[in-house]
Amino acid sequence: MDFKQTLDNKISDYNLLDHPFYQAWSAGELPVEALRAYAREYGAFISTIPNGWETINDAEIAAEETEHIDLWADFANGLDTVVSEAEIPQVKALLQTADTLFSEPVTALGALYAFEAQQPATAQSKLEGLQAFYQLPKTVEPYFETHSYNADEVEKLLERIGDLPSESHATVVQACEQMSAALWDALTGIHDAECI
């Protein structure tokens, strides 16, 4: 079983680059108010990422991800808003999914992979959209600059998944699919609240 291919196939059903919210962002068609809502709401999820890395006992990446919460706060501040508790139902559901999946090492591996495997491409797309179409302070860019080229996390996750006993494999794949769907649905919630 090729883990990477199996996991990537699950993610491809919910490829965030294909989501109308990110498509509008990369085309410069997303209202700034929608960017604000995204910064506020999605930031609540970004703050959970270190928990997943702590659950799989990777203190180094957990510490890095904790620093990245501040970069996200800078993104929000550049849009004249702050990260707050999620109010949109689908974002609340994403937080619940993250809390559940990040609580056990096997499910944390699958859930983190769903997020980290997509992050370089989505970060690059969002960064290019911000630079091309939005007249915003440079402080909105560092989070996306940092994540647009970082693939180390994916390699670490694949290595750890490969070390698991075979009976854990289906659980990893299921967690990856769950997180992929929750990430997609959260964007849909923000898109529906701000763009329709």
C-alpha atoms as a PDB file:
ATOM      1  CA  MET A   1       0.000   0.000   0.000  1.00  0.00           C
ATOM      2  CA  ASP A   2       1.480   3.322  -1.093  1.00  0.00           C
ATOM      3  CA  PHE A   3       0.551   5.532   1.855  1.00  0.00           C
ATOM      4  CA  LYS A   4       1.313   8.797   0.179  1.00  0.00           C
ATOM      5  CA  GLN A   5      -0.833   7.975  -2.853  1.00  0.00           C
ATOM      6  CA  THR A   6      -3.700   6.701  -0.727  1.00  0.00           C
ATOM      7  CA  LEU A   7      -3.661   9.786   1.483  1.00  0.00           C
ATOM      8  CA  ASP A   8      -3.279  12.145  -1.460  1.00  0.00           C
ATOM      9  CA  ASN A   9      -6.252  10.488  -3.165  1.00  0.00           C
ATOM     10  CA  LYS A  10      -8.394  11.231  -0.109  1.00  0.00           C
ATOM     11  CA  ILE A  11      -7.218  14.845  -0.079  1.00  0.00           C
ATOM     12  CA  SER A  12      -7.838  15.290  -3.816  1.00  0.00           C
ATOM     13  CA  ASP A  13     -11.598  14.946  -3.259  1.00  0.00           C
ATOM     14  CA  TYR A  14     -11.355  18.113  -1.128  1.00  0.00           C
ATOM     15  CA  ASN A  15      -8.492  19.946  -2.840  1.00  0.00           C
ATOM     16  CA  LEU A  16      -8.610  23.393  -1.266  1.00  0.00           C
ATOM     17  CA  LEU A  17      -7.131  25.064  -4.353  1.00  0.00           C
ATOM     18  CA  ASP A  18     -10.353  24.105  -6.147  1.00  0.00           C
ATOM     19  CA  HIS A  19     -12.571  25.698  -3.501  1.00  0.00           C
ATOM     20  CA  PRO A  20     -14.545  28.760  -4.715  1.00  0.00           C
ATOM     21  CA  PHE A  21     -13.186  30.793  -1.765  1.00  0.00           C
ATOM     22  CA  TYR A  22      -9.540  30.254  -2.708  1.00  0.00           C
ATOM     23  CA  GLN A  23     -10.362  30.570  -6.423  1.00  0.00           C
ATOM     24  CA  ALA A  24     -11.893  33.990  -5.776  1.00  0.00           C
ATOM     25  CA  TRP A  25      -8.897  34.942  -3.606  1.00  0.00           C
ATOM     26  CA  SER A  26      -6.346  34.011  -6.257  1.00  0.00           C
ATOM     27  CA  ALA A  27      -8.358  35.946  -8.876  1.00  0.00           C
ATOM     28  CA  GLY A  28      -8.586  39.063  -6.691  1.00  0.00           C
ATOM     29  CA  GLU A  29     -12.382  38.733  -6.544  1.00  0.00           C
ATOM     30  CA  LEU A  30     -12.687  38.086  -2.808  1.00  0.00           C
ATOM     31  CA  PRO A  31     -14.018  41.069  -0.839  1.00  0.00           C
ATOM     32  CA  VAL A  32     -11.622  42.343   1.824  1.00  0.00           C
ATOM     33  CA  GLU A  33     -14.349  41.748   4.388  1.00  0.00           C
ATOM     34  CA  ALA A  34     -14.242  38.056   3.452  1.00  0.00           C
ATOM     35  CA  LEU A  35     -10.475  38.065   4.043  1.00  0.00           C
ATOM     36  CA  ARG A  36     -11.135  39.616   7.453  1.00  0.00           C
ATOM     37  CA  ALA A  37     -13.665  36.941   8.341  1.00  0.00           C
ATOM     38  CA  TYR A  38     -11.231  34.254   7.187  1.00  0.00           C
ATOM     39  CA  ALA A  39      -8.428  35.734   9.300  1.00  0.00           C
ATOM     40  CA  ARG A  40     -10.674  35.884  12.374  1.00  0.00           C
ATOM     41  CA  GLU A  41     -12.356  32.517  12.035  1.00  0.00           C
ATOM     42  CA  TYR A  42      -9.643  30.309  10.521  1.00  0.00           C
ATOM     43  CA  GLY A  43      -7.105  31.674  12.975  1.00  0.00           C
ATOM     44  CA  ALA A  44      -8.923  29.740  15.678  1.00  0.00           C
ATOM     45  CA  PHE A  45      -8.049  26.556  13.771  1.00  0.00           C
ATOM     46  CA  ILE A  46      -4.440  27.617  13.121  1.00  0.00           C
ATOM     47  CA  SER A  47      -3.977  27.876  16.887  1.00  0.00           C
ATOM     48  CA  THR A  48      -4.812  24.150  17.228  1.00  0.00           C
ATOM     49  CA  ILE A  49      -2.037  22.916  14.910  1.00  0.00           C
ATOM     50  CA  PRO A  50       0.665  22.754  17.639  1.00  0.00           C
ATOM     51  CA  ASN A  51      -1.606  20.390  19.592  1.00  0.00           C
ATOM     52  CA  GLY A  52      -1.422  17.803  16.823  1.00  0.00           C
ATOM     53  CA  TRP A  53       2.361  17.935  16.750  1.00  0.00           C
ATOM     54  CA  GLU A  54       2.516  17.684  20.538  1.00  0.00           C
ATOM     55  CA  THR A  55       0.305  14.594  20.407  1.00  0.00           C
ATOM     56  CA  ILE A  56       2.802  12.857  18.107  1.00  0.00           C
ATOM     57  CA  ASN A  57       5.652  13.984  20.395  1.00  0.00           C
ATOM     58  CA  ASP A  58       7.358  16.356  17.976  1.00  0.00           C
ATOM     59  CA  ALA A  59       8.209  19.243  20.294  1.00  0.00           C
ATOM     60  CA  GLU A  60      10.362  20.990  17.684  1.00  0.00           C
ATOM     61  CA  ILE A  61       7.604  21.391  15.099  1.00  0.00           C
ATOM     62  CA  ALA A  62       5.032  22.092  17.812  1.00  0.00           C
ATOM     63  CA  ALA A  63       7.199  25.035  18.906  1.00  0.00           C
ATOM     64  CA  GLU A  64       7.524  26.258  15.298  1.00  0.00           C
ATOM     65  CA  GLU A  65       3.766  26.052  14.809  1.00  0.00           C
ATOM     66  CA  THR A  66       3.237  28.005  18.027  1.00  0.00           C
ATOM     67  CA  GLU A  67       5.403  30.795  16.568  1.00  0.00           C
ATOM     68  CA  HIS A  68       3.303  30.669  13.399  1.00  0.00           C
ATOM     69  CA  ILE A  69       0.207  31.560  15.430  1.00  0.00           C
ATOM     70  CA  ASP A  70       1.823  34.989  15.865  1.00  0.00           C
ATOM     71  CA  LEU A  71       2.378  35.250  12.100  1.00  0.00           C
ATOM     72  CA  TRP A  72      -1.312  34.546  11.608  1.00  0.00           C
ATOM     73  CA  ALA A  73      -2.146  37.245  14.164  1.00  0.00           C
ATOM     74  CA  ASP A  74      -0.043  39.645  12.061  1.00  0.00           C
ATOM     75  CA  PHE A  75      -2.087  38.631   9.003  1.00  0.00           C
ATOM     76  CA  ALA A  76      -5.299  39.441  10.897  1.00  0.00           C
ATOM     77  CA  ASN A  77      -3.909  42.719  12.243  1.00  0.00           C
ATOM     78  CA  GLY A  78      -2.938  43.782   8.725  1.00  0.00           C
ATOM     79  CA  LEU A  79      -6.604  43.410   7.832  1.00  0.00           C
ATOM     80  CA  ASP A  80      -7.670  45.499  10.863  1.00  0.00           C
ATOM     81  CA  THR A  81      -9.103  42.525  12.727  1.00  0.00           C
ATOM     82  CA  VAL A  82      -8.044  39.978  15.342  1.00  0.00           C
ATOM     83  CA  VAL A  83      -8.354  36.228  15.677  1.00  0.00           C
ATOM     84  CA  SER A  84     -11.427  35.394  17.724  1.00  0.00           C
ATOM     85  CA  GLU A  85     -13.554  32.427  18.655  1.00  0.00           C
ATOM     86  CA  ALA A  86     -15.184  30.789  15.672  1.00  0.00           C
ATOM     87  CA  GLU A  87     -18.794  31.805  15.066  1.00  0.00           C
ATOM     88  CA  ILE A  88     -19.466  30.188  11.686  1.00  0.00           C
ATOM     89  CA  PRO A  89     -20.906  26.686  12.268  1.00  0.00           C
ATOM     90  CA  GLN A  90     -18.607  24.914   9.786  1.00  0.00           C
ATOM     91  CA  VAL A  91     -15.529  26.510  11.371  1.00  0.00           C
ATOM     92  CA  LYS A  92     -16.757  25.424  14.810  1.00  0.00           C
ATOM     93  CA  ALA A  93     -17.129  21.911  13.363  1.00  0.00           C
ATOM     94  CA  LEU A  94     -13.548  22.078  12.045  1.00  0.00           C
ATOM     95  CA  LEU A  95     -12.325  22.972  15.541  1.00  0.00           C
ATOM     96  CA  GLN A  96     -14.229  20.035  17.018  1.00  0.00           C
ATOM     97  CA  THR A  97     -12.789  17.716  14.372  1.00  0.00           C
ATOM     98  CA  ALA A  98      -9.281  18.993  15.086  1.00  0.00           C
ATOM     99  CA  ASP A  99      -9.718  18.561  18.850  1.00  0.00           C
ATOM    100  CA  THR A 100     -10.880  14.981  18.378  1.00  0.00           C
ATOM    101  CA  LEU A 101      -8.319  13.935  15.774  1.00  0.00           C
ATOM    102  CA  PHE A 102      -5.394  15.718  17.448  1.00  0.00           C
ATOM    103  CA  SER A 103      -6.074  13.904  20.733  1.00  0.00           C
ATOM    104  CA  GLU A 104      -4.662  10.515  19.615  1.00  0.00           C
ATOM    105  CA  PRO A 105      -1.318   9.929  17.850  1.00  0.00           C
ATOM    106  CA  VAL A 106      -2.652   7.757  15.003  1.00  0.00           C
ATOM    107  CA  THR A 107      -5.498  10.098  14.071  1.00  0.00           C
ATOM    108  CA  ALA A 108      -3.268  13.144  14.595  1.00  0.00           C
ATOM    109  CA  LEU A 109      -0.895  11.824  11.928  1.00  0.00           C
ATOM    110  CA  GLY A 110      -3.682  11.524   9.350  1.00  0.00           C
ATOM    111  CA  ALA A 111      -5.245  14.866  10.242  1.00  0.00           C
ATOM    112  CA  LEU A 112      -1.942  16.741  10.186  1.00  0.00           C
ATOM    113  CA  TYR A 113      -1.105  15.202   6.822  1.00  0.00           C
ATOM    114  CA  ALA A 114      -4.404  16.458   5.367  1.00  0.00           C
ATOM    115  CA  PHE A 115      -3.465  19.993   6.385  1.00  0.00           C
ATOM    116  CA  GLU A 116       0.301  20.027   5.847  1.00  0.00           C
ATOM    117  CA  ALA A 117       0.249  18.289   2.446  1.00  0.00           C
ATOM    118  CA  GLN A 118      -1.900  21.091   1.014  1.00  0.00           C
ATOM    119  CA  GLN A 119      -0.315  24.015   2.793  1.00  0.00           C
ATOM    120  CA  PRO A 120       2.634  24.865   0.474  1.00  0.00           C
ATOM    121  CA  ALA A 121       0.397  25.131  -2.604  1.00  0.00           C
ATOM    122  CA  THR A 122      -2.425  26.983  -0.859  1.00  0.00           C
ATOM    123  CA  ALA A 123      -0.018  29.358   0.891  1.00  0.00           C
ATOM    124  CA  GLN A 124       1.703  30.160  -2.420  1.00  0.00           C
ATOM    125  CA  SER A 125      -1.627  30.777  -4.138  1.00  0.00           C
ATOM    126  CA  LYS A 126      -2.878  33.029  -1.346  1.00  0.00           C
ATOM    127  CA  LEU A 127       0.399  34.955  -1.206  1.00  0.00           C
ATOM    128  CA  GLU A 128       0.320  35.600  -4.959  1.00  0.00           C
ATOM    129  CA  GLY A 129      -3.296  36.743  -4.717  1.00  0.00           C
ATOM    130  CA  LEU A 130      -2.518  39.132  -1.864  1.00  0.00           C
ATOM    131  CA  GLN A 131       0.448  40.620  -3.718  1.00  0.00           C
ATOM    132  CA  ALA A 132      -1.303  40.957  -7.069  1.00  0.00           C
ATOM    133  CA  PHE A 133      -4.715  42.272  -6.090  1.00  0.00           C
ATOM    134  CA  TYR A 134      -4.907  43.576  -2.528  1.00  0.00           C
ATOM    135  CA  GLN A 135      -3.362  46.815  -1.329  1.00  0.00           C
ATOM    136  CA  LEU A 136      -2.603  45.635   2.188  1.00  0.00           C
ATOM    137  CA  PRO A 137       0.303  46.101   4.630  1.00  0.00           C
ATOM    138  CA  LYS A 138       3.250  43.732   4.150  1.00  0.00           C
ATOM    139  CA  THR A 139       2.440  42.254   7.558  1.00  0.00           C
ATOM    140  CA  VAL A 140      -0.260  40.119   5.904  1.00  0.00           C
ATOM    141  CA  GLU A 141       2.356  38.157   3.938  1.00  0.00           C
ATOM    142  CA  PRO A 142       4.859  36.417   6.296  1.00  0.00           C
ATOM    143  CA  TYR A 143       2.559  33.565   7.345  1.00  0.00           C
ATOM    144  CA  PHE A 144       2.047  32.599   3.712  1.00  0.00           C
ATOM    145  CA  GLU A 145       5.679  33.207   2.741  1.00  0.00           C
ATOM    146  CA  THR A 146       6.804  30.868   5.515  1.00  0.00           C
ATOM    147  CA  HIS A 147       4.429  28.097   4.467  1.00  0.00           C
ATOM    148  CA  SER A 148       4.731  28.370   0.689  1.00  0.00           C
ATOM    149  CA  TYR A 149       7.897  26.282   0.495  1.00  0.00           C
ATOM    150  CA  ASN A 150       7.951  24.194   3.666  1.00  0.00           C
ATOM    151  CA  ALA A 151       7.558  20.471   2.915  1.00  0.00           C
ATOM    152  CA  ASP A 152       9.587  19.097   5.846  1.00  0.00           C
ATOM    153  CA  GLU A 153       6.475  18.423   7.894  1.00  0.00           C
ATOM    154  CA  VAL A 154       5.006  16.186   5.190  1.00  0.00           C
ATOM    155  CA  GLU A 155       8.165  14.073   5.022  1.00  0.00           C
ATOM    156  CA  LYS A 156       8.202  13.699   8.804  1.00  0.00           C
ATOM    157  CA  LEU A 157       4.557  12.665   8.858  1.00  0.00           C
ATOM    158  CA  LEU A 158       4.994  10.087   6.093  1.00  0.00           C
ATOM    159  CA  GLU A 159       7.974   8.617   7.935  1.00  0.00           C
ATOM    160  CA  ARG A 160       5.984   8.350  11.166  1.00  0.00           C
ATOM    161  CA  ILE A 161       2.982   6.857   9.362  1.00  0.00           C
ATOM    162  CA  GLY A 162       5.251   4.306   7.721  1.00  0.00           C
ATOM    163  CA  ASP A 163       6.454   3.202  11.163  1.00  0.00           C
ATOM    164  CA  LEU A 164       2.930   2.402  12.371  1.00  0.00           C
ATOM    165  CA  PRO A 165       1.675  -1.179  12.597  1.00  0.00           C
ATOM    166  CA  SER A 166      -0.460  -2.175   9.611  1.00  0.00           C
ATOM    167  CA  GLU A 167      -3.654  -2.314  11.669  1.00  0.00           C
ATOM    168  CA  SER A 168      -3.389   1.465  12.204  1.00  0.00           C
ATOM    169  CA  HIS A 169      -3.249   2.344   8.509  1.00  0.00           C
ATOM    170  CA  ALA A 170      -6.995   2.495   7.884  1.00  0.00           C
ATOM    171  CA  THR A 171      -7.413   4.822  10.884  1.00  0.00           C
ATOM    172  CA  VAL A 172      -4.792   7.210   9.492  1.00  0.00           C
ATOM    173  CA  VAL A 173      -6.516   7.292   6.096  1.00  0.00           C
ATOM    174  CA  GLN A 174      -9.928   7.864   7.701  1.00  0.00           C
ATOM    175  CA  ALA A 175      -8.560  10.745   9.819  1.00  0.00           C
ATOM    176  CA  CYS A 176      -6.976  12.302   6.730  1.00  0.00           C
ATOM    177  CA  GLU A 177     -10.306  12.175   4.909  1.00  0.00           C
ATOM    178  CA  GLN A 178     -12.199  13.585   7.908  1.00  0.00           C
ATOM    179  CA  MET A 179      -9.840  16.526   8.251  1.00  0.00           C
ATOM    180  CA  SER A 180      -9.825  17.186   4.501  1.00  0.00           C
ATOM    181  CA  ALA A 181     -13.622  17.361   4.488  1.00  0.00           C
ATOM    182  CA  ALA A 182     -13.711  19.586   7.580  1.00  0.00           C
ATOM    183  CA  LEU A 183     -11.197  22.020   6.056  1.00  0.00           C
ATOM    184  CA  TRP A 184     -13.265  22.214   2.856  1.00  0.00           C
ATOM    185  CA  ASP A 185     -16.501  22.706   4.770  1.00  0.00           C
ATOM    186  CA  ALA A 186     -14.980  25.487   6.908  1.00  0.00           C
ATOM    187  CA  LEU A 187     -14.066  27.423   3.766  1.00  0.00           C
ATOM    188  CA  THR A 188     -17.591  26.845   2.453  1.00  0.00           C
ATOM    189  CA  GLY A 189     -18.998  28.298   5.656  1.00  0.00           C
ATOM    190  CA  ILE A 190     -16.853  31.409   5.393  1.00  0.00           C
ATOM    191  CA  HIS A 191     -17.594  31.744   1.673  1.00  0.00           C
ATOM    192  CA  ASP A 192     -21.349  31.407   2.192  1.00  0.00           C
ATOM    193  CA  ALA A 193     -21.335  33.904   5.055  1.00  0.00           C
ATOM    194  CA  GLU A 194     -19.283  36.552   3.250  1.00  0.00           C
ATOM    195  CA  CYS A 195     -19.630  36.060  -0.502  1.00  0.00           C
ATOM    196  CA  ILE A 196     -23.204  34.957  -1.204  1.00  0.00           C
END
